[in-house]
């Protein structure tokens, strides 16, 4: 499987864990039925589907992404769900959106704007540019988790690795971190700013879908970390986080995990 294929597979596998949180976040935006919106960095289109369901058959969602492979998957998913008429997908760069000023009623970006290793302020300005006055701009991203209940010291150490602190990259100016996005929104002239954090969780006994999702999440969350850990912590990580281990954390009869995602939104001024 190609790198893109592996990435698409993991996005799909993790979706049962993420979708309830995403649905709640999207519902909280109160997007008007019949409105037209942008999903910037849409990936394989799963969120574009939720957005399209929200705005209804008379609305439309345009998804853009840099990867044509991901967009092909998004188009296939839209077709299979009967949402091809309500969605369209195009290769595009959020740094220079292929849309005119005030083209959309709202713009959404998840784990993209403010989450990628790009200067966030110009990206927020670009989202603001393509949304009509009075329309909504919202960005959404993973913000915290507890995946190893009972092992707080190990989890804190894993979160302190280069992979673990992403996108809060070491050496990055604090004001450029995602949870400082209120400043980006104010600088872009957005009004009526609002921040809300949404919680997702999973607990034993895990369904097959949730078990697969959490296994994929553990694989994605901490990667290439051996050189940053002590031998003791590395061995403990391997015992708890690898599916083949008899001590695999998801096998615990009392397993519980939770995670948070944070959304920042504002309205485009007149």
Protein backbone atom coordinates (compact mmCIF):
# COMPACT_ATOMS: atom_id res chain seq x y z
CA UNK A 1 0.00 0.00 0.00
CA UNK A 2 1.33 3.48 -0.90
CA UNK A 3 1.89 6.13 1.77
CA UNK A 4 -1.24 7.90 0.54
CA UNK A 5 -3.15 4.62 0.62
CA UNK A 6 -2.05 3.92 4.18
CA UNK A 7 -3.02 7.43 5.25
CA UNK A 8 -6.45 7.15 3.62
CA UNK A 9 -7.02 3.78 5.26
CA UNK A 10 -6.20 5.15 8.70
CA UNK A 11 -8.46 8.18 8.21
CA UNK A 12 -11.32 5.86 7.33
CA UNK A 13 -10.61 3.47 10.19
CA UNK A 14 -10.44 6.25 12.79
CA UNK A 15 -13.68 7.85 11.58
CA UNK A 16 -16.02 5.88 13.94
CA UNK A 17 -14.13 7.43 16.85
CA UNK A 18 -14.18 10.94 15.41
CA UNK A 19 -17.58 11.21 13.74
CA UNK A 20 -19.71 11.76 16.87
CA UNK A 21 -17.49 14.66 17.92
CA UNK A 22 -17.47 16.13 14.43
CA UNK A 23 -21.25 15.90 14.16
CA UNK A 24 -21.67 17.77 17.44
CA UNK A 25 -19.20 20.46 16.42
CA UNK A 26 -20.79 20.96 13.00
CA UNK A 27 -24.30 21.06 14.47
CA UNK A 28 -23.16 23.78 16.88
CA UNK A 29 -22.32 26.05 13.92
CA UNK A 30 -26.01 26.22 12.89
CA UNK A 31 -25.12 26.37 9.20
CA UNK A 32 -28.15 27.56 7.22
CA UNK A 33 -30.02 24.98 5.15
CA UNK A 34 -29.31 25.70 1.50
CA UNK A 35 -26.03 27.48 2.19
CA UNK A 36 -22.81 27.00 0.23
CA UNK A 37 -19.56 26.30 2.06
CA UNK A 38 -15.92 25.39 1.74
CA UNK A 39 -14.08 22.48 3.37
CA UNK A 40 -10.41 23.51 3.17
CA UNK A 41 -8.06 20.54 3.43
CA UNK A 42 -10.95 18.11 3.00
CA UNK A 43 -8.85 14.91 2.80
CA UNK A 44 -11.01 11.92 1.90
CA UNK A 45 -14.17 13.97 2.27
CA UNK A 46 -15.73 12.46 5.37
CA UNK A 47 -16.36 15.86 6.95
CA UNK A 48 -17.60 17.30 3.69
CA UNK A 49 -20.29 14.59 3.81
CA UNK A 50 -21.36 15.68 7.29
CA UNK A 51 -21.39 19.32 6.22
CA UNK A 52 -23.45 18.45 3.13
CA UNK A 53 -25.98 16.56 5.22
CA UNK A 54 -26.27 19.62 7.47
CA UNK A 55 -26.97 22.15 4.70
CA UNK A 56 -29.37 19.76 2.97
CA UNK A 57 -30.13 18.95 -0.67
CA UNK A 58 -30.38 22.64 -1.64
CA UNK A 59 -26.93 23.42 -0.20
CA UNK A 60 -23.48 22.65 -1.52
CA UNK A 61 -20.03 21.90 -0.10
CA UNK A 62 -16.82 22.43 -2.06
CA UNK A 63 -13.84 20.46 -0.81
CA UNK A 64 -10.25 21.31 -1.70
CA UNK A 65 -7.05 19.43 -0.98
CA UNK A 66 -3.55 19.21 -2.41
CA UNK A 67 -3.80 15.45 -2.96
CA UNK A 68 -5.65 14.20 -6.04
CA UNK A 69 -5.57 10.69 -4.55
CA UNK A 70 -7.48 11.82 -1.47
CA UNK A 71 -9.93 13.77 -3.63
CA UNK A 72 -10.64 10.71 -5.78
CA UNK A 73 -11.52 8.84 -2.60
CA UNK A 74 -13.76 11.74 -1.51
CA UNK A 75 -15.62 11.72 -4.82
CA UNK A 76 -16.19 7.96 -4.59
CA UNK A 77 -17.49 8.30 -1.04
CA UNK A 78 -19.86 11.09 -2.08
CA UNK A 79 -21.19 8.96 -4.92
CA UNK A 80 -21.72 5.95 -2.64
CA UNK A 81 -23.62 8.11 -0.14
CA UNK A 82 -25.77 9.79 -2.76
CA UNK A 83 -24.17 13.18 -2.14
CA UNK A 84 -22.47 13.83 -5.50
CA UNK A 85 -24.89 16.65 -6.37
CA UNK A 86 -24.29 18.37 -3.03
CA UNK A 87 -20.50 18.17 -3.09
CA UNK A 88 -17.61 18.88 -5.43
CA UNK A 89 -13.91 18.31 -4.91
CA UNK A 90 -10.98 20.16 -6.45
CA UNK A 91 -7.22 20.27 -6.17
CA UNK A 92 -6.40 23.50 -4.38
CA UNK A 93 -4.02 25.14 -1.94
CA UNK A 94 -5.38 26.85 1.15
CA UNK A 95 -2.57 29.38 0.82
CA UNK A 96 -4.20 30.61 -2.40
CA UNK A 97 -7.75 29.38 -2.60
CA UNK A 98 -9.10 28.91 -6.13
CA UNK A 99 -12.21 30.97 -5.38
CA UNK A 100 -13.20 34.59 -5.66
CA UNK A 101 -13.95 36.96 -2.81
CA UNK A 102 -17.18 36.25 -0.90
CA UNK A 103 -17.78 33.01 -2.83
CA UNK A 104 -19.12 31.05 0.15
CA UNK A 105 -21.53 31.45 3.04
CA UNK A 106 -19.06 29.74 5.38
CA UNK A 107 -15.67 28.04 5.49
CA UNK A 108 -14.53 25.06 7.56
CA UNK A 109 -11.07 23.57 8.01
CA UNK A 110 -10.21 20.60 10.21
CA UNK A 111 -6.68 19.59 11.18
CA UNK A 112 -5.39 21.80 8.38
CA UNK A 113 -5.44 25.56 8.93
CA UNK A 114 -3.39 26.15 12.05
CA UNK A 115 -2.48 22.48 12.29
CA UNK A 116 -0.06 22.13 9.40
CA UNK A 117 3.53 23.49 9.51
CA UNK A 118 2.47 26.64 7.70
CA UNK A 119 2.18 30.22 8.93
CA UNK A 120 -1.45 30.25 10.14
CA UNK A 121 -2.33 33.94 9.89
CA UNK A 122 -2.31 34.15 6.06
CA UNK A 123 -4.41 30.98 5.90
CA UNK A 124 -7.10 32.44 8.16
CA UNK A 125 -7.08 35.61 6.06
CA UNK A 126 -7.54 33.52 2.94
CA UNK A 127 -10.51 31.68 4.45
CA UNK A 128 -11.96 35.04 5.46
CA UNK A 129 -11.50 36.43 1.95
CA UNK A 130 -13.68 33.78 0.30
CA UNK A 131 -16.57 34.05 2.81
CA UNK A 132 -19.29 36.67 2.41
CA UNK A 133 -19.83 39.35 5.07
CA UNK A 134 -21.71 37.87 7.99
CA UNK A 135 -20.60 34.34 7.11
CA UNK A 136 -18.80 31.93 9.43
CA UNK A 137 -15.16 30.86 9.43
CA UNK A 138 -14.38 27.86 11.65
CA UNK A 139 -11.24 25.83 12.24
CA UNK A 140 -11.20 22.58 14.19
CA UNK A 141 -8.35 20.41 15.46
CA UNK A 142 -7.33 17.67 17.86
CA UNK A 143 -6.19 19.34 21.08
CA UNK A 144 -5.55 16.69 23.77
CA UNK A 145 -6.02 13.07 24.78
CA UNK A 146 -5.65 10.43 27.45
CA UNK A 147 -5.11 7.10 25.72
CA UNK A 148 -3.09 5.25 28.37
CA UNK A 149 -5.22 5.31 31.53
CA UNK A 150 -3.18 4.40 34.58
CA UNK A 151 0.14 5.39 32.97
CA UNK A 152 0.21 9.20 33.18
CA UNK A 153 3.99 9.49 33.41
CA UNK A 154 4.56 7.39 30.31
CA UNK A 155 1.86 9.21 28.36
CA UNK A 156 3.32 12.57 29.36
CA UNK A 157 6.73 11.40 28.17
CA UNK A 158 5.29 10.20 24.86
CA UNK A 159 3.48 13.51 24.42
CA UNK A 160 6.79 15.31 24.95
CA UNK A 161 8.42 13.63 21.93
CA UNK A 162 8.67 15.48 18.63
CA UNK A 163 5.72 13.48 17.27
CA UNK A 164 3.77 13.84 20.49
CA UNK A 165 3.83 17.63 20.65
CA UNK A 166 2.83 18.12 17.00
CA UNK A 167 1.44 20.52 15.91
CA UNK A 168 2.73 22.43 18.93
CA UNK A 169 6.19 22.18 17.44
CA UNK A 170 9.22 22.88 19.61
CA UNK A 171 10.77 26.18 18.64
CA UNK A 172 7.54 27.50 17.16
CA UNK A 173 6.42 30.85 18.53
CA UNK A 174 3.75 30.27 21.18
CA UNK A 175 1.33 32.62 19.44
CA UNK A 176 1.44 30.41 16.34
CA UNK A 177 0.14 27.34 18.17
CA UNK A 178 -3.42 26.27 17.35
CA UNK A 179 -4.86 27.12 20.75
CA UNK A 180 -3.78 30.73 20.24
CA UNK A 181 -5.96 31.04 17.14
CA UNK A 182 -8.15 33.75 18.65
CA UNK A 183 -5.32 36.15 17.85
CA UNK A 184 -5.27 35.04 14.21
CA UNK A 185 -9.01 35.52 13.93
CA UNK A 186 -8.87 39.02 15.41
CA UNK A 187 -6.03 39.99 13.08
CA UNK A 188 -8.10 38.76 10.12
CA UNK A 189 -10.93 41.08 11.17
CA UNK A 190 -13.32 38.32 12.25
CA UNK A 191 -16.00 39.25 14.76
CA UNK A 192 -18.06 37.53 17.49
CA UNK A 193 -15.31 35.03 18.19
CA UNK A 194 -16.14 31.83 20.01
CA UNK A 195 -14.09 28.85 21.21
CA UNK A 196 -15.49 25.49 22.22
CA UNK A 197 -13.86 22.18 23.08
CA UNK A 198 -15.61 18.91 22.30
CA UNK A 199 -14.93 15.62 24.09
CA UNK A 200 -14.97 12.16 22.62
CA UNK A 201 -14.46 8.94 24.54
CA UNK A 202 -14.37 5.17 24.29
CA UNK A 203 -14.51 2.46 26.92
CA UNK A 204 -14.53 -1.32 27.32
CA UNK A 205 -16.01 -3.48 26.05
CA UNK A 206 -14.92 -1.94 22.76
CA UNK A 207 -16.81 -2.61 19.56
CA UNK A 208 -14.74 -3.97 16.69
CA UNK A 209 -14.88 -0.58 14.94
CA UNK A 210 -13.73 1.35 18.00
CA UNK A 211 -10.98 -1.15 18.75
CA UNK A 212 -9.68 -0.81 15.19
CA UNK A 213 -9.95 2.98 15.39
CA UNK A 214 -8.05 3.20 18.67
CA UNK A 215 -5.36 0.81 17.41
CA UNK A 216 -4.84 3.02 14.36
CA UNK A 217 -4.82 6.12 16.57
CA UNK A 218 -2.08 4.69 18.78
CA UNK A 219 -0.06 3.90 15.66
CA UNK A 220 -0.48 7.45 14.35
CA UNK A 221 -0.13 9.33 17.60
CA UNK A 222 3.45 8.46 18.53
CA UNK A 223 5.75 7.55 15.63
CA UNK A 224 9.55 7.26 15.31
CA UNK A 225 10.03 7.96 19.00
CA UNK A 226 12.49 5.29 20.15
CA UNK A 227 15.52 7.63 20.07
CA UNK A 228 13.73 10.12 22.35
CA UNK A 229 12.81 7.62 25.08
CA UNK A 230 14.77 5.87 27.78
CA UNK A 231 15.08 2.10 27.32
CA UNK A 232 12.61 1.65 30.17
CA UNK A 233 9.99 3.93 28.61
CA UNK A 234 10.51 2.38 25.17
CA UNK A 235 9.94 -1.11 26.54
CA UNK A 236 6.86 0.04 28.41
CA UNK A 237 5.52 1.72 25.26
CA UNK A 238 6.01 -1.50 23.29
CA UNK A 239 4.22 -3.54 25.96
CA UNK A 240 1.22 -1.23 26.14
CA UNK A 241 0.82 0.21 22.65
CA UNK A 242 1.59 -2.63 20.23
CA UNK A 243 -1.38 -4.87 19.33
CA UNK A 244 0.68 -8.07 19.45
CA UNK A 245 1.65 -7.55 23.07
CA UNK A 246 -0.22 -9.55 25.77
CA UNK A 247 -0.31 -6.29 27.78
CA UNK A 248 -1.84 -4.24 24.93
CA UNK A 249 -3.76 -1.46 26.64
CA UNK A 250 -6.93 -2.03 24.62
CA UNK A 251 -7.19 -5.53 26.12
CA UNK A 252 -7.84 -4.11 29.59
CA UNK A 253 -11.33 -4.97 30.81
CA UNK A 254 -11.62 -1.51 32.37
CA UNK A 255 -10.09 0.46 29.50
CA UNK A 256 -11.27 4.05 29.10
CA UNK A 257 -9.88 6.81 26.88
CA UNK A 258 -10.94 10.30 25.98
CA UNK A 259 -9.78 13.02 23.66
CA UNK A 260 -10.65 16.61 22.92
CA UNK A 261 -10.96 18.65 19.76
CA UNK A 262 -11.22 22.43 19.81
CA UNK A 263 -13.08 24.69 17.41
CA UNK A 264 -12.52 28.41 16.95
CA UNK A 265 -15.06 30.32 14.90
CA UNK A 266 -15.93 33.89 14.00
CA UNK A 267 -18.03 35.96 11.63
CA UNK A 268 -16.73 37.91 8.66
CA UNK A 269 -17.23 41.63 9.16
CA UNK A 270 -19.05 43.85 6.70
